[in-house]
Amino acid sequence: MTSVLVVDDDPTLLRLIETVLHSAGLEVASRDTGEAALRAAHAHLPDCAVLGTSLDHTAGAMSAGRLCRAIRADRCTADIPILLLTEQGRGLDAAAAFDAGADDCLARPFTAQDLLARIETLTLL
């Protein structure tokens, strides 16, 4: 079973993504901070990570960019495919995501089909 680590500090979006992924038969681990996500990735290496850029707006917390870099810097987690959920119309988010090591970006709002297709593509590589 494909496992996905989902990280976002928006509880509504987090639950929505969990529901979509569970409905598709995927194993989901959800976290609301970058620090918790890193611990989860080390405890159970996921097949893919989905990171929300809203982590950037939490004062004092690890941003999505920093989390992406931390995943890439650790040899145990470096090969996890990363999908970054960006804010629509913010091209800098996408550029920064790729600079930080993301494999793909998906702009909000997105459909369940788009999310699942991106995850499927990343986990097949």
Protein backbone atom coordinates (compact mmCIF):
# COMPACT_ATOMS: atom_id res chain seq x y z
CA MET A 1 0.00 0.00 0.00
CA THR A 2 1.33 3.43 -0.93
CA SER A 3 1.97 5.66 2.08
CA VAL A 4 1.71 9.44 1.99
CA LEU A 5 2.87 11.94 4.60
CA VAL A 6 0.64 15.04 4.48
CA VAL A 7 1.74 18.22 6.24
CA ASP A 8 -0.33 21.38 6.58
CA ASP A 9 -1.30 23.62 9.46
CA ASP A 10 -4.82 24.13 8.11
CA PRO A 11 -6.86 21.41 9.87
CA THR A 12 -9.72 21.61 7.37
CA LEU A 13 -7.46 21.11 4.36
CA LEU A 14 -5.55 18.39 6.18
CA ARG A 15 -8.76 16.42 6.88
CA LEU A 16 -9.98 16.92 3.32
CA ILE A 17 -6.74 15.56 1.87
CA GLU A 18 -6.79 12.65 4.34
CA THR A 19 -10.32 11.76 3.22
CA VAL A 20 -9.41 11.88 -0.47
CA LEU A 21 -6.29 9.76 0.00
CA HIS A 22 -7.97 7.21 2.28
CA SER A 23 -10.82 6.88 -0.23
CA ALA A 24 -8.24 6.07 -2.90
CA GLY A 25 -6.81 3.29 -0.74
CA LEU A 26 -3.65 5.08 0.33
CA GLU A 27 -2.10 4.93 3.79
CA VAL A 28 -1.96 8.45 5.25
CA ALA A 29 0.06 10.00 8.05
CA SER A 30 -0.92 13.61 8.77
CA ARG A 31 1.04 16.20 10.68
CA ASP A 32 0.44 19.89 11.31
CA THR A 33 4.05 21.04 11.79
CA GLY A 34 7.29 20.56 9.91
CA GLU A 35 9.04 19.24 12.99
CA ALA A 36 6.37 16.57 13.55
CA ALA A 37 6.54 15.66 9.86
CA LEU A 38 10.30 15.06 10.02
CA ARG A 39 9.85 12.78 13.04
CA ALA A 40 7.07 10.89 11.23
CA ALA A 41 9.19 10.50 8.08
CA HIS A 42 11.99 8.96 10.11
CA ALA A 43 9.64 6.68 12.05
CA HIS A 44 7.97 5.34 8.87
CA LEU A 45 9.49 6.32 5.54
CA PRO A 46 6.60 7.42 3.30
CA ASP A 47 6.37 6.77 -0.42
CA CYS A 48 5.52 10.45 -0.97
CA ALA A 49 5.20 13.69 1.02
CA VAL A 50 2.60 16.40 0.38
CA LEU A 51 3.55 19.73 1.94
CA GLY A 52 1.34 22.79 2.21
CA THR A 53 2.95 26.20 1.81
CA SER A 54 0.75 27.53 4.61
CA LEU A 55 3.46 26.20 6.94
CA ASP A 56 5.38 29.32 5.91
CA HIS A 57 2.88 31.50 7.74
CA THR A 58 3.22 29.92 11.16
CA ALA A 59 5.42 32.11 13.35
CA GLY A 60 8.40 30.27 14.78
CA ALA A 61 7.59 27.00 13.00
CA MET A 62 9.50 25.20 10.28
CA SER A 63 8.39 26.51 6.88
CA ALA A 64 7.54 24.23 3.98
CA GLY A 65 10.76 25.31 2.27
CA ARG A 66 12.86 24.48 5.32
CA LEU A 67 11.06 21.15 5.69
CA CYS A 68 11.71 20.33 2.05
CA ARG A 69 15.42 21.14 2.47
CA ALA A 70 15.61 19.10 5.68
CA ILE A 71 14.08 16.08 3.94
CA ARG A 72 16.58 16.41 1.07
CA ALA A 73 19.57 16.93 3.40
CA ASP A 74 19.04 13.70 5.35
CA ARG A 75 20.28 10.61 3.53
CA CYS A 76 17.47 8.50 5.07
CA THR A 77 14.71 10.73 3.65
CA ALA A 78 16.45 12.35 0.66
CA ASP A 79 14.69 10.21 -1.94
CA ILE A 80 11.12 10.82 -0.76
CA PRO A 81 9.18 12.41 -3.64
CA ILE A 82 7.78 15.78 -2.51
CA LEU A 83 4.63 17.48 -3.80
CA LEU A 84 4.23 21.06 -2.63
CA LEU A 85 0.75 22.60 -2.52
CA THR A 86 1.16 26.25 -3.54
CA GLU A 87 -1.12 29.25 -3.46
CA GLN A 88 -2.70 29.97 -6.84
CA GLY A 89 -1.22 32.97 -8.62
CA ARG A 90 1.95 32.98 -6.53
CA GLY A 91 4.61 31.96 -9.03
CA LEU A 92 7.31 32.62 -6.46
CA ASP A 93 5.91 29.79 -4.32
CA ALA A 94 6.50 27.31 -7.13
CA ALA A 95 9.99 28.62 -7.89
CA ALA A 96 10.93 28.52 -4.22
CA ALA A 97 9.52 25.00 -3.93
CA PHE A 98 11.71 23.69 -6.72
CA ASP A 99 14.71 25.53 -5.28
CA ALA A 100 14.05 23.82 -1.95
CA GLY A 101 13.95 20.39 -3.59
CA ALA A 102 10.27 19.72 -4.34
CA ASP A 103 9.63 17.30 -7.19
CA ASP A 104 6.29 18.81 -8.20
CA CYS A 105 3.86 21.59 -7.29
CA LEU A 106 0.08 21.74 -7.33
CA ALA A 107 -1.70 25.09 -7.06
CA ARG A 108 -4.68 25.54 -4.75
CA PRO A 109 -7.52 25.11 -5.31
CA PHE A 110 -7.07 21.67 -6.81
CA THR A 111 -9.32 18.72 -7.51
CA ALA A 112 -9.10 15.34 -5.82
CA GLN A 113 -8.29 13.83 -9.22
CA ASP A 114 -5.38 16.25 -9.74
CA LEU A 115 -3.97 15.48 -6.30
CA LEU A 116 -4.23 11.72 -6.79
CA ALA A 117 -2.71 11.91 -10.29
CA ARG A 118 0.30 13.88 -9.01
CA ILE A 119 0.86 11.46 -6.14
CA GLU A 120 0.55 8.48 -8.47
CA THR A 121 3.09 9.97 -10.86
CA LEU A 122 5.55 10.74 -8.05
CA THR A 123 5.29 7.29 -6.48
CA LEU A 124 5.81 5.50 -9.80
CA LEU A 125 9.14 7.22 -10.53
